[in-house]
Amino acid sequence: RQPLSPSTPFRALPHSPPPSTDALLRTLGCGYRARFIMETAVLLEKNAKEAGVGTDEYLDGLREGKLEGGLEEARRRLMEFMGVGRKVADCVALFGLGWKEVVPVDTHVFQVCCEVSHSFAVS
């Protein structure tokens, strides 16, 4: 199996997951996140359909260099998905979409940086 890279193509979702998928995801250990996965799949399909593209094309369009509006727009679109906040959106942008200028920062790191520097910049 080859490792993923920012140029690895996304695989299209064939359709919205059936309701029984939630139970399956829970038995696979996803716990409360099963609902997030289900909601994300449904919203991804909806957003792609509204954009007139497939789900893989929609996600591919969020890559660095392909999106009008840049990183901020990619981050905004990612944060529309249930359970995705700033840090997760930044992780996806960096590791999955090729946005090299982003540095994911969690709340604990942010607090320490603010205490140490008193002028930690956030964009």
C-alpha atoms as a PDB file:
ATOM      1  CA  ARG A   1       0.000   0.000   0.000  1.00  0.00           C
ATOM      2  CA  GLN A   2       1.392   3.393  -0.990  1.00  0.00           C
ATOM      3  CA  PRO A   3       1.450   6.263   1.523  1.00  0.00           C
ATOM      4  CA  LEU A   4      -0.881   9.193   0.940  1.00  0.00           C
ATOM      5  CA  SER A   5       0.522  12.472  -0.271  1.00  0.00           C
ATOM      6  CA  PRO A   6      -1.038  15.830  -1.183  1.00  0.00           C
ATOM      7  CA  SER A   7      -1.186  14.632  -4.801  1.00  0.00           C
ATOM      8  CA  THR A   8      -2.976  11.340  -3.981  1.00  0.00           C
ATOM      9  CA  PRO A   9      -6.384  11.450  -5.713  1.00  0.00           C
ATOM     10  CA  PHE A  10      -9.516  11.275  -3.605  1.00  0.00           C
ATOM     11  CA  ARG A  11     -11.837   8.324  -4.129  1.00  0.00           C
ATOM     12  CA  ALA A  12     -15.413   9.242  -4.880  1.00  0.00           C
ATOM     13  CA  LEU A  13     -18.191   8.258  -2.520  1.00  0.00           C
ATOM     14  CA  PRO A  14     -20.722   6.201  -4.481  1.00  0.00           C
ATOM     15  CA  HIS A  15     -23.716   7.664  -2.637  1.00  0.00           C
ATOM     16  CA  SER A  16     -24.883   8.783   0.780  1.00  0.00           C
ATOM     17  CA  PRO A  17     -24.292   6.097   3.379  1.00  0.00           C
ATOM     18  CA  PRO A  18     -27.298   4.004   4.417  1.00  0.00           C
ATOM     19  CA  PRO A  19     -28.630   4.510   7.961  1.00  0.00           C
ATOM     20  CA  SER A  20     -27.144   1.166   9.059  1.00  0.00           C
ATOM     21  CA  THR A  21     -23.662   2.613   8.490  1.00  0.00           C
ATOM     22  CA  ASP A  22     -23.838   4.462  11.824  1.00  0.00           C
ATOM     23  CA  ALA A  23     -24.147   1.182  13.744  1.00  0.00           C
ATOM     24  CA  LEU A  24     -21.364  -0.391  11.686  1.00  0.00           C
ATOM     25  CA  LEU A  25     -19.019   2.536  12.331  1.00  0.00           C
ATOM     26  CA  ARG A  26     -19.719   2.305  16.064  1.00  0.00           C
ATOM     27  CA  THR A  27     -18.865  -1.412  16.119  1.00  0.00           C
ATOM     28  CA  LEU A  28     -15.620  -0.575  14.298  1.00  0.00           C
ATOM     29  CA  GLY A  29     -14.622   1.687  17.186  1.00  0.00           C
ATOM     30  CA  CYS A  30     -15.590   5.122  15.873  1.00  0.00           C
ATOM     31  CA  GLY A  31     -17.812   5.756  18.904  1.00  0.00           C
ATOM     32  CA  TYR A  32     -19.478   9.176  18.967  1.00  0.00           C
ATOM     33  CA  ARG A  33     -17.529  10.122  15.825  1.00  0.00           C
ATOM     34  CA  ALA A  34     -19.693   7.730  13.775  1.00  0.00           C
ATOM     35  CA  ARG A  35     -22.327  10.447  13.540  1.00  0.00           C
ATOM     36  CA  PHE A  36     -19.680  12.965  12.384  1.00  0.00           C
ATOM     37  CA  ILE A  37     -18.590  10.596   9.611  1.00  0.00           C
ATOM     38  CA  MET A  38     -22.179  10.072   8.489  1.00  0.00           C
ATOM     39  CA  GLU A  39     -23.000  13.802   8.518  1.00  0.00           C
ATOM     40  CA  THR A  40     -19.771  14.623   6.681  1.00  0.00           C
ATOM     41  CA  ALA A  41     -20.500  12.104   3.932  1.00  0.00           C
ATOM     42  CA  VAL A  42     -23.981  13.547   3.419  1.00  0.00           C
ATOM     43  CA  LEU A  43     -22.775  17.177   3.420  1.00  0.00           C
ATOM     44  CA  LEU A  44     -19.868  16.351   1.114  1.00  0.00           C
ATOM     45  CA  GLU A  45     -22.248  14.820  -1.388  1.00  0.00           C
ATOM     46  CA  LYS A  46     -24.582  17.839  -1.129  1.00  0.00           C
ATOM     47  CA  ASN A  47     -21.763  20.389  -1.561  1.00  0.00           C
ATOM     48  CA  ALA A  48     -20.317  18.514  -4.525  1.00  0.00           C
ATOM     49  CA  LYS A  49     -23.720  18.274  -6.188  1.00  0.00           C
ATOM     50  CA  GLU A  50     -24.310  22.019  -5.702  1.00  0.00           C
ATOM     51  CA  ALA A  51     -20.898  22.709  -7.264  1.00  0.00           C
ATOM     52  CA  GLY A  52     -21.754  20.428 -10.190  1.00  0.00           C
ATOM     53  CA  VAL A  53     -18.868  18.042  -9.543  1.00  0.00           C
ATOM     54  CA  GLY A  54     -18.275  14.655  -7.957  1.00  0.00           C
ATOM     55  CA  THR A  55     -17.179  14.314  -4.342  1.00  0.00           C
ATOM     56  CA  ASP A  56     -13.600  13.520  -5.315  1.00  0.00           C
ATOM     57  CA  GLU A  57     -13.456  16.592  -7.575  1.00  0.00           C
ATOM     58  CA  TYR A  58     -14.934  18.746  -4.804  1.00  0.00           C
ATOM     59  CA  LEU A  59     -12.229  17.684  -2.346  1.00  0.00           C
ATOM     60  CA  ASP A  60      -9.511  17.945  -4.987  1.00  0.00           C
ATOM     61  CA  GLY A  61     -10.643  21.523  -5.601  1.00  0.00           C
ATOM     62  CA  LEU A  62      -9.664  22.425  -2.029  1.00  0.00           C
ATOM     63  CA  ARG A  63      -5.989  21.709  -2.694  1.00  0.00           C
ATOM     64  CA  GLU A  64      -3.348  24.432  -2.569  1.00  0.00           C
ATOM     65  CA  GLY A  65      -3.159  26.266  -5.872  1.00  0.00           C
ATOM     66  CA  LYS A  66      -6.622  25.214  -7.071  1.00  0.00           C
ATOM     67  CA  LEU A  67      -8.959  27.245  -4.879  1.00  0.00           C
ATOM     68  CA  GLU A  68      -9.959  30.850  -5.356  1.00  0.00           C
ATOM     69  CA  GLY A  69      -9.935  32.345  -1.895  1.00  0.00           C
ATOM     70  CA  GLY A  70      -6.867  30.413  -0.836  1.00  0.00           C
ATOM     71  CA  LEU A  71      -6.273  28.796   2.515  1.00  0.00           C
ATOM     72  CA  GLU A  72      -8.986  30.777   4.292  1.00  0.00           C
ATOM     73  CA  GLU A  73     -11.620  29.464   1.877  1.00  0.00           C
ATOM     74  CA  ALA A  74     -10.336  25.893   2.172  1.00  0.00           C
ATOM     75  CA  ARG A  75     -10.417  26.186   5.959  1.00  0.00           C
ATOM     76  CA  ARG A  76     -13.945  27.654   5.899  1.00  0.00           C
ATOM     77  CA  ARG A  77     -15.254  24.836   3.711  1.00  0.00           C
ATOM     78  CA  LEU A  78     -13.606  22.149   5.832  1.00  0.00           C
ATOM     79  CA  MET A  79     -15.039  23.658   9.018  1.00  0.00           C
ATOM     80  CA  GLU A  80     -18.559  23.265   7.590  1.00  0.00           C
ATOM     81  CA  PHE A  81     -18.243  19.545   8.307  1.00  0.00           C
ATOM     82  CA  MET A  82     -19.562  18.356  11.652  1.00  0.00           C
ATOM     83  CA  GLY A  83     -16.817  17.941  14.245  1.00  0.00           C
ATOM     84  CA  VAL A  84     -14.211  19.853  12.218  1.00  0.00           C
ATOM     85  CA  GLY A  85     -12.793  22.855  14.026  1.00  0.00           C
ATOM     86  CA  ARG A  86      -9.825  25.070  13.253  1.00  0.00           C
ATOM     87  CA  LYS A  87      -7.131  22.573  14.252  1.00  0.00           C
ATOM     88  CA  VAL A  88      -8.586  19.617  12.334  1.00  0.00           C
ATOM     89  CA  ALA A  89      -9.201  21.825   9.284  1.00  0.00           C
ATOM     90  CA  ASP A  90      -5.579  22.973   9.457  1.00  0.00           C
ATOM     91  CA  CYS A  91      -4.348  19.369   9.770  1.00  0.00           C
ATOM     92  CA  VAL A  92      -6.365  18.341   6.702  1.00  0.00           C
ATOM     93  CA  ALA A  93      -5.160  21.413   4.798  1.00  0.00           C
ATOM     94  CA  LEU A  94      -1.506  20.700   5.621  1.00  0.00           C
ATOM     95  CA  PHE A  95      -1.336  16.921   5.426  1.00  0.00           C
ATOM     96  CA  GLY A  96      -4.057  16.191   2.876  1.00  0.00           C
ATOM     97  CA  LEU A  97      -4.388  19.221   0.645  1.00  0.00           C
ATOM     98  CA  GLY A  98      -0.845  20.540   0.316  1.00  0.00           C
ATOM     99  CA  TRP A  99      -1.219  23.883   2.091  1.00  0.00           C
ATOM    100  CA  LYS A 100       2.372  24.104   3.375  1.00  0.00           C
ATOM    101  CA  GLU A 101       2.001  27.499   5.048  1.00  0.00           C
ATOM    102  CA  VAL A 102      -0.444  26.287   7.699  1.00  0.00           C
ATOM    103  CA  VAL A 103       0.663  25.179  11.157  1.00  0.00           C
ATOM    104  CA  PRO A 104      -2.033  23.363  13.166  1.00  0.00           C
ATOM    105  CA  VAL A 105      -2.093  24.647  16.744  1.00  0.00           C
ATOM    106  CA  ASP A 106      -4.219  23.121  19.474  1.00  0.00           C
ATOM    107  CA  THR A 107      -5.613  25.093  22.384  1.00  0.00           C
ATOM    108  CA  HIS A 108      -2.893  23.965  24.823  1.00  0.00           C
ATOM    109  CA  VAL A 109      -0.026  24.969  22.542  1.00  0.00           C
ATOM    110  CA  PHE A 110      -1.787  28.264  21.864  1.00  0.00           C
ATOM    111  CA  GLN A 111      -2.120  29.016  25.588  1.00  0.00           C
ATOM    112  CA  VAL A 112       1.560  28.275  26.237  1.00  0.00           C
ATOM    113  CA  CYS A 113       2.641  30.439  23.288  1.00  0.00           C
ATOM    114  CA  CYS A 114       0.515  33.322  24.562  1.00  0.00           C
ATOM    115  CA  GLU A 115       1.963  32.994  28.068  1.00  0.00           C
ATOM    116  CA  VAL A 116       5.543  32.832  26.833  1.00  0.00           C
ATOM    117  CA  SER A 117       5.501  35.466  24.095  1.00  0.00           C
ATOM    118  CA  HIS A 118       2.512  37.674  25.030  1.00  0.00           C
ATOM    119  CA  SER A 119       2.213  38.466  21.323  1.00  0.00           C
ATOM    120  CA  PHE A 120       1.417  35.189  19.586  1.00  0.00           C
ATOM    121  CA  ALA A 121      -0.063  36.047  16.162  1.00  0.00           C
ATOM    122  CA  VAL A 122      -2.994  34.087  14.767  1.00  0.00           C
ATOM    123  CA  SER A 123      -4.345  34.463  11.260  1.00  0.00           C
END
